[in-house]
Amino acid sequence: MTPAQRLFAIEDLLNQQLNPTSLTLEDNSAEHAGHASAGGAGHFTVHIASPQFDGKSIIQQHRLVYQALDALMETEIHALSIQVK
């Protein structure tokens, strides 16, 4: 997958699963160039707000994000930073 395709896939899954009211994605992969263990997968930061986060702890909110992106976690995402709004 190209970097643009990765961002689109992440955005698409988060929109489908969490219906966010706010969503911004950053591809930080260039900052980690040469990171041998990444195996070609990317480094990303997700800034997200969703009504599904209401009443949930930070850990529960992060689990929802990881669950939404599960299909990409082993192949396209090496590192993920989550910033919940």
Protein backbone atom coordinates (compact mmCIF):
# COMPACT_ATOMS: atom_id res chain seq x y z
CA MET A 1 0.00 0.00 0.00
CA THR A 2 1.24 3.49 -0.76
CA PRO A 3 1.34 6.09 2.04
CA ALA A 4 -1.73 7.82 0.56
CA GLN A 5 -3.60 4.51 0.44
CA ARG A 6 -2.69 3.81 4.08
CA LEU A 7 -4.07 7.17 5.19
CA PHE A 8 -7.25 6.60 3.19
CA ALA A 9 -7.68 3.09 4.64
CA ILE A 10 -7.18 4.37 8.22
CA GLU A 11 -9.61 7.24 7.69
CA ASP A 12 -12.16 4.94 6.08
CA LEU A 13 -12.09 2.37 8.90
CA LEU A 14 -12.31 5.02 11.62
CA ASN A 15 -15.23 6.72 9.86
CA GLN A 16 -17.08 3.42 9.43
CA GLN A 17 -16.48 2.11 12.95
CA LEU A 18 -16.48 5.22 15.15
CA ASN A 19 -18.40 7.87 13.20
CA PRO A 20 -16.07 10.63 14.46
CA THR A 21 -17.15 14.23 14.84
CA SER A 22 -13.53 15.24 14.32
CA LEU A 23 -10.72 13.28 12.66
CA THR A 24 -7.22 14.33 11.64
CA LEU A 25 -4.48 11.94 10.58
CA GLU A 26 -0.74 12.53 10.44
CA ASP A 27 1.73 10.28 8.65
CA ASN A 28 4.91 10.44 10.73
CA SER A 29 6.66 7.66 8.81
CA ALA A 30 9.35 9.93 7.35
CA GLU A 31 10.53 10.72 10.89
CA HIS A 32 11.26 7.02 11.37
CA ALA A 33 13.00 6.24 8.08
CA GLY A 34 15.33 3.29 8.41
CA HIS A 35 13.48 1.87 11.41
CA ALA A 36 14.32 -1.74 10.62
CA SER A 37 11.54 -3.40 12.61
CA ALA A 38 8.81 -1.41 10.83
CA GLY A 39 8.97 -3.73 7.82
CA GLY A 40 7.54 -1.08 5.50
CA ALA A 41 4.56 -0.26 7.72
CA GLY A 42 3.89 3.33 8.74
CA HIS A 43 3.91 5.51 11.85
CA PHE A 44 0.74 7.55 12.36
CA THR A 45 -0.92 9.97 14.75
CA VAL A 46 -4.72 10.01 14.99
CA HIS A 47 -6.57 13.00 16.46
CA ILE A 48 -10.15 11.90 16.98
CA ALA A 49 -13.40 12.77 18.74
CA SER A 50 -16.40 10.45 18.67
CA PRO A 51 -19.69 10.18 20.54
CA GLN A 52 -18.77 6.52 21.10
CA PHE A 53 -16.09 7.73 23.53
CA ASP A 54 -18.65 9.33 25.87
CA GLY A 55 -18.44 7.88 29.38
CA LYS A 56 -15.43 5.72 28.54
CA SER A 57 -11.96 5.84 30.06
CA ILE A 58 -8.93 6.76 27.95
CA ILE A 59 -7.97 3.08 27.79
CA GLN A 60 -11.44 2.12 26.56
CA GLN A 61 -11.34 4.91 23.96
CA HIS A 62 -7.95 3.75 22.69
CA ARG A 63 -9.19 0.16 22.53
CA LEU A 64 -12.04 1.28 20.29
CA VAL A 65 -9.55 2.92 17.92
CA TYR A 66 -7.31 -0.16 17.90
CA GLN A 67 -10.31 -2.41 17.29
CA ALA A 68 -11.40 -0.25 14.36
CA LEU A 69 -7.92 -0.47 12.83
CA ASP A 70 -7.26 -4.12 13.66
CA ALA A 71 -7.16 -5.19 10.00
CA LEU A 72 -4.25 -2.80 9.35
CA MET A 73 -2.27 -3.21 12.56
CA GLU A 74 -0.18 -6.18 11.45
CA THR A 75 0.49 -5.08 7.89
CA GLU A 76 0.20 -1.32 7.36
CA ILE A 77 0.57 0.33 10.79
CA HIS A 78 3.78 -0.13 12.77
CA ALA A 79 3.18 2.62 15.34
CA LEU A 80 0.06 4.54 16.29
CA SER A 81 -0.29 7.55 18.54
CA ILE A 82 -3.88 8.33 19.56
CA GLN A 83 -4.96 11.77 20.69
CA VAL A 84 -8.58 11.73 21.84
CA LYS A 85 -10.39 15.05 21.92
